[in-house]
Protein backbone atom coordinates (compact mmCIF):
# COMPACT_ATOMS: atom_id res chain seq x y z
CA UNK A 1 15.89 11.08 -14.57
CA UNK A 2 14.36 8.89 -11.87
CA UNK A 3 12.58 5.69 -12.90
CA UNK A 4 10.39 3.51 -10.72
CA UNK A 5 9.62 -0.10 -11.58
CA UNK A 6 6.29 -1.44 -10.36
CA UNK A 7 5.56 -5.16 -10.04
CA UNK A 8 1.92 -6.03 -9.43
CA UNK A 9 0.96 -9.44 -8.04
CA UNK A 10 -2.57 -9.95 -6.76
CA UNK A 11 -3.71 -13.04 -4.87
CA UNK A 12 -6.62 -15.30 -5.84
CA UNK A 13 -5.67 -15.69 -9.49
CA UNK A 14 -8.55 -17.31 -11.32
CA UNK A 15 -6.94 -19.20 -14.22
CA UNK A 16 -4.07 -20.76 -12.24
CA UNK A 17 -4.12 -20.92 -8.45
CA UNK A 18 -1.36 -18.89 -6.75
CA UNK A 19 0.36 -18.46 -10.11
CA UNK A 20 2.50 -15.48 -9.03
CA UNK A 21 4.43 -17.64 -6.55
CA UNK A 22 4.01 -21.01 -8.26
CA UNK A 23 7.38 -22.73 -8.57
CA UNK A 24 8.82 -22.57 -12.08
CA UNK A 25 12.05 -24.55 -12.37
CA UNK A 26 12.54 -24.43 -8.60
CA UNK A 27 11.85 -20.77 -7.91
CA UNK A 28 8.65 -18.71 -7.53
CA UNK A 29 7.38 -17.18 -10.76
CA UNK A 30 7.62 -13.64 -9.35
CA UNK A 31 11.38 -14.02 -8.82
CA UNK A 32 11.99 -13.98 -12.59
CA UNK A 33 10.60 -10.45 -12.69
CA UNK A 34 12.11 -9.05 -9.49
CA UNK A 35 15.54 -10.45 -10.35
CA UNK A 36 15.36 -9.07 -13.89
CA UNK A 37 14.32 -5.61 -12.65
CA UNK A 38 17.35 -5.49 -10.34
CA UNK A 39 19.64 -5.99 -13.36
CA UNK A 40 18.34 -2.95 -15.27
CA UNK A 41 20.59 0.04 -14.74
CA UNK A 42 18.07 2.78 -15.60
CA UNK A 43 15.68 1.57 -12.88
CA UNK A 44 16.34 3.49 -9.65
CA UNK A 45 13.78 1.83 -7.38
CA UNK A 46 11.47 -1.19 -7.50
CA UNK A 47 8.23 -1.63 -5.61
CA UNK A 48 5.78 -4.48 -5.19
CA UNK A 49 2.01 -4.00 -5.13
CA UNK A 50 0.22 -7.01 -3.66
CA UNK A 51 -2.71 -7.80 -1.42
CA UNK A 52 -1.15 -11.12 -0.35
CA UNK A 53 0.95 -11.42 2.82
CA UNK A 54 2.49 -14.57 1.36
CA UNK A 55 3.59 -12.87 -1.88
CA UNK A 56 4.72 -9.82 0.10
CA UNK A 57 6.91 -11.83 2.50
CA UNK A 58 8.45 -13.91 -0.29
CA UNK A 59 9.24 -10.96 -2.57
CA UNK A 60 9.76 -7.72 -0.60
CA UNK A 61 13.54 -8.00 -0.06
CA UNK A 62 15.39 -5.13 -1.74
CA UNK A 63 12.18 -3.39 -2.86
CA UNK A 64 10.52 -0.16 -1.71
CA UNK A 65 8.22 -1.37 1.07
CA UNK A 66 4.78 0.15 0.52
CA UNK A 67 2.98 -2.50 2.58
CA UNK A 68 -0.04 -4.42 1.36
CA UNK A 69 -2.36 -3.10 -1.33
CA UNK A 70 -5.66 -1.70 0.07
CA UNK A 71 -8.80 -3.80 -0.36
CA UNK A 72 -10.45 -1.30 -2.70
CA UNK A 73 -7.62 -1.98 -5.20
CA UNK A 74 -7.68 -5.75 -4.83
CA UNK A 75 -10.82 -6.96 -6.59
CA UNK A 76 -11.40 -8.29 -10.12
CA UNK A 77 -12.78 -4.99 -11.41
CA UNK A 78 -9.92 -2.64 -10.56
CA UNK A 79 -7.83 -1.23 -13.40
CA UNK A 80 -4.16 -2.15 -13.22
CA UNK A 81 -3.35 1.48 -14.02
CA UNK A 82 -5.03 2.53 -10.76
CA UNK A 83 -2.88 -0.01 -8.91
CA UNK A 84 0.29 1.34 -10.56
CA UNK A 85 -0.70 4.91 -9.72
CA UNK A 86 -1.22 3.93 -6.08
CA UNK A 87 2.17 2.15 -5.92
CA UNK A 88 3.87 5.18 -7.47
CA UNK A 89 2.37 7.66 -5.01
CA UNK A 90 3.16 5.44 -2.01
CA UNK A 91 6.77 4.96 -3.17
CA UNK A 92 7.23 8.69 -3.76
CA UNK A 93 5.95 9.48 -0.29
CA UNK A 94 8.24 6.94 1.36
CA UNK A 95 11.31 8.01 -0.64
CA UNK A 96 10.43 11.71 -0.64
CA UNK A 97 11.06 12.04 -4.38
CA UNK A 98 8.98 12.38 -7.54
CA UNK A 99 9.75 9.93 -10.34
CA UNK A 100 10.04 11.02 -13.97
CA UNK A 101 9.18 7.66 -15.52
CA UNK A 102 7.40 4.51 -14.40
CA UNK A 103 7.93 1.07 -15.91
CA UNK A 104 5.68 -1.86 -15.05
CA UNK A 105 6.89 -5.43 -15.53
CA UNK A 106 4.25 -8.14 -15.46
CA UNK A 107 4.95 -11.17 -13.26
CA UNK A 108 3.31 -13.55 -15.73
CA UNK A 109 5.83 -12.82 -18.52
CA UNK A 110 8.99 -14.64 -17.37
CA UNK A 111 10.32 -15.17 -20.93
CA UNK A 112 10.79 -11.42 -21.41
CA UNK A 113 14.49 -10.66 -21.88
CA UNK A 114 16.73 -7.91 -20.56
CA UNK A 115 17.16 -6.81 -24.18
CA UNK A 116 13.38 -6.37 -24.51
CA UNK A 117 13.37 -4.00 -21.53
CA UNK A 118 16.42 -2.02 -22.65
CA UNK A 119 15.23 -1.68 -26.24
CA UNK A 120 11.72 -0.67 -25.16
CA UNK A 121 13.09 2.03 -22.87
CA UNK A 122 15.53 3.24 -25.52
CA UNK A 123 12.71 3.66 -28.06
CA UNK A 124 10.58 5.40 -25.43
CA UNK A 125 13.36 7.90 -24.66
CA UNK A 126 14.71 8.51 -28.19
CA UNK A 127 11.25 9.16 -29.66
CA UNK A 128 10.13 11.16 -26.61
CA UNK A 129 6.98 9.08 -26.18
CA UNK A 130 4.35 9.69 -23.55
CA UNK A 131 4.03 5.95 -23.04
CA UNK A 132 4.97 2.66 -24.62
CA UNK A 133 3.75 -0.90 -24.30
CA UNK A 134 4.96 -4.16 -25.77
CA UNK A 135 3.11 -6.22 -28.34
CA UNK A 136 3.50 -9.26 -30.56
CA UNK A 137 2.05 -10.06 -33.97
CA UNK A 138 -1.58 -11.16 -33.62
CA UNK A 139 -2.42 -14.77 -34.49
CA UNK A 140 -5.83 -13.71 -35.83
CA UNK A 141 -6.63 -10.65 -37.93
CA UNK A 142 -9.86 -8.61 -37.49
CA UNK A 143 -9.76 -7.64 -41.18
CA UNK A 144 -9.63 -11.27 -42.29
CA UNK A 145 -10.41 -14.11 -39.87
CA UNK A 146 -11.99 -12.55 -36.77
CA UNK A 147 -15.77 -12.31 -36.97
CA UNK A 148 -18.66 -10.96 -34.91
CA UNK A 149 -22.45 -11.16 -34.95
CA UNK A 150 -24.03 -7.87 -35.98
CA UNK A 151 -27.19 -7.53 -33.88
CA UNK A 152 -28.59 -4.85 -36.21
CA UNK A 153 -28.30 -6.81 -39.47
CA UNK A 154 -28.46 -10.26 -37.80
CA UNK A 155 -25.48 -11.29 -39.90
CA UNK A 156 -22.01 -12.60 -39.14
CA UNK A 157 -19.33 -10.26 -40.41
CA UNK A 158 -15.60 -9.58 -40.23
CA UNK A 159 -14.84 -7.44 -37.17
CA UNK A 160 -13.03 -4.65 -39.06
CA UNK A 161 -14.92 -3.52 -42.15
CA UNK A 162 -12.92 -2.29 -45.12
CA UNK A 163 -13.79 -1.30 -48.68
CA UNK A 164 -11.15 -3.74 -49.84
CA UNK A 165 -11.76 -7.47 -49.39
CA UNK A 166 -8.72 -9.37 -48.13
CA UNK A 167 -8.33 -12.96 -49.30
CA UNK A 168 -5.32 -13.78 -47.12
CA UNK A 169 -4.11 -12.73 -43.68
CA UNK A 170 -0.80 -11.63 -45.21
CA UNK A 171 -2.56 -9.04 -47.40
CA UNK A 172 -4.60 -7.58 -44.53
CA UNK A 173 -3.30 -4.63 -42.45
CA UNK A 174 -0.89 -5.77 -39.76
CA UNK A 175 -2.34 -5.94 -36.26
CA UNK A 176 -0.79 -6.71 -32.88
CA UNK A 177 -1.72 -8.23 -29.55
CA UNK A 178 -0.84 -6.38 -26.37
CA UNK A 179 1.30 -9.00 -24.63
CA UNK A 180 1.08 -7.47 -21.11
CA UNK A 181 4.84 -7.72 -20.61
CA UNK A 182 6.24 -4.16 -20.38
CA UNK A 183 4.53 -0.80 -19.92
CA UNK A 184 6.42 2.51 -19.69
CA UNK A 185 5.02 5.95 -18.87
CA UNK A 186 6.11 9.48 -18.30
CA UNK A 187 4.75 10.27 -14.87
CA UNK A 188 2.40 12.99 -16.10
CA UNK A 189 0.96 10.62 -18.70
CA UNK A 190 0.35 7.86 -16.14
CA UNK A 191 -1.75 10.29 -14.10
CA UNK A 192 -3.52 11.81 -17.11
CA UNK A 193 -6.98 11.07 -18.55
CA UNK A 194 -5.46 9.09 -21.44
CA UNK A 195 -2.65 7.01 -19.94
CA UNK A 196 -2.76 4.18 -22.48
CA UNK A 197 -3.74 5.59 -25.87
CA UNK A 198 -2.76 9.13 -26.84
CA UNK A 199 -0.97 11.01 -29.63
CA UNK A 200 2.46 9.97 -28.40
CA UNK A 201 1.88 6.29 -27.60
CA UNK A 202 4.43 3.84 -29.02
CA UNK A 203 4.60 0.06 -29.26
CA UNK A 204 7.61 -2.23 -29.12
CA UNK A 205 7.25 -5.58 -30.87
CA UNK A 206 8.46 -8.73 -29.13
CA UNK A 207 8.57 -12.19 -30.72
CA UNK A 208 5.67 -14.48 -29.85
CA UNK A 209 7.92 -16.97 -28.04
CA UNK A 210 8.84 -14.30 -25.45
CA UNK A 211 5.29 -12.93 -25.29
CA UNK A 212 3.54 -15.83 -23.58
CA UNK A 213 1.47 -14.48 -20.68
CA UNK A 214 0.87 -17.18 -18.07
CA UNK A 215 -2.86 -17.30 -17.41
CA UNK A 216 -3.53 -21.02 -17.03
CA UNK A 217 -1.82 -24.39 -16.60
CA UNK A 218 -1.27 -24.83 -20.35
CA UNK A 219 0.58 -21.48 -20.54
CA UNK A 220 2.64 -22.46 -17.50
CA UNK A 221 3.66 -25.81 -18.99
CA UNK A 222 4.52 -24.15 -22.30
CA UNK A 223 6.79 -21.61 -20.60
CA UNK A 224 8.44 -24.35 -18.55
CA UNK A 225 9.08 -26.41 -21.70
CA UNK A 226 10.67 -23.41 -23.46
CA UNK A 227 12.91 -22.72 -20.47
CA UNK A 228 13.99 -26.34 -20.25
CA UNK A 229 14.80 -26.37 -23.97
CA UNK A 230 17.04 -23.34 -23.47
CA UNK A 231 18.78 -24.93 -20.49
CA UNK A 232 19.45 -28.14 -22.41
CA UNK A 233 20.97 -26.46 -25.46
């Protein structure tokens, strides 16, 4: 079985300027992901998809060189799945092989552990899933304390309606947040019409502390604080 790891890092991040190569404890943020991917034995090849020459030059060593991402895949409205598909096809053409599985590791999740990756992949393989993505327990619950304005009734209501009324979050059905850390696909599923949600989609739960997705300066400082706490133990 051949597995490709894709790492996607676009320039012009909105929430935190140049976050993908921002120094975190004296090394660029992207290095935490590329270095982790190189330690995973089931990953055969790693490729970087970026539209930034700066990110490309900093990070390309040891990766399948597919060049810079085309402009039509570099704007705010492009699906990440389309970017991963493009990176897969380019890598297959360069290497003259067809991958069986594709795993995507997000640059903005540096607290993800090697164990998270190995356990996710093991669950994906053992249960013969089409795809799997990681999640964490949601801080808010749409059955209990998430509300929306109903434009038809002009009333505020709980997002998820249920015949039963829940008086505590603990009694409501469990819900999860997609933490954007790890995605795994069978190749045919990645290129299908339903690459994310289908009859054989699985989730792997990660603890909240390893699920922080760096989107702004507050997230960045929180991740740095957690890393420093670990170093000082």
